[in-house]
Amino acid sequence: MVSYLEELTVTEAENLKKTIRDLFRQTCILQVKYDPVTLTPRDNPRYEICMRHRGFIEDYLSVLGCGLKHDPQEHIFRLEGEGVAAERMSMTTTLLVLLLKLIYRDKILGEGLKATVTNLAEIREYGKNTNLITRKLTAAEWKEALYLMRMHQMIDLPGAVRDVEDHTPIYIYGTVNLYCTSADIRDLVEKYREELQEEQNVQDTEEEEDFETGEEDIYPDAD
């Protein structure tokens, strides 16, 4: 492996190392990325590196218990295998990913691939309509979710996550469908609705019990 790198130019070897680091950091490499504002496509040089050095990358990853999967239909390279660190998403982030999947599906069916752009206002509206988001999310929750989705190439933003406002365009990539692919979107939505309803029922029961206890305390000598 060392000899392979030594045969490359300094620039090519460095780009290859960066591409492997990106694979471990974001788990997938897209062939084309879009500017969320202009919808202008741009080729991803990391994808070209994967194409040119696919054999070397596969050999390198196999030593670490990982594999490199190429999806020619989605035009991505994806890291997979037991050696890949599992990403643990919070409940809120998981719900937001589900909402993006719904938005992506609706836009693909209605407007096509180049129009898969959303924003925080629309995401909130979908959350309200599906009853998946029943409260106002904190800035920290939005930041965590957007950062994770951007890191894993589910979305693209025109600037930093901290600068995203209600109507800042957010481009959704087809890679959003790589998450939670073992079940149908509708089943997942229904599952989380049921869980949220159960949590609400428990909360209502606790509030009723507290209220009844309070009534007993108010009139201790009523008899």
Foldseek 3Di string as FASTA:
>chain_A
DVVVLVVDDPVLSVLLVVLLVLCLFQFKDAQWDAQLPPLDIDGDVSLVSCVVCVVVSQVVVVVQQWGWDADVVLRMIGIDGPSRDDDDDDLLLVLLLLLLVVLQVVCCVPPNQSPSKDFQQVSVVSCVVLVLDDDDDDLVSQLVNVVSCVSNPQWDFNDHSNPGDGGGIIHGGPCSCVPPVVDDSVVVSVVSNVVVVVVVVVVVVVVVVVVVVVVCVVCVPVD
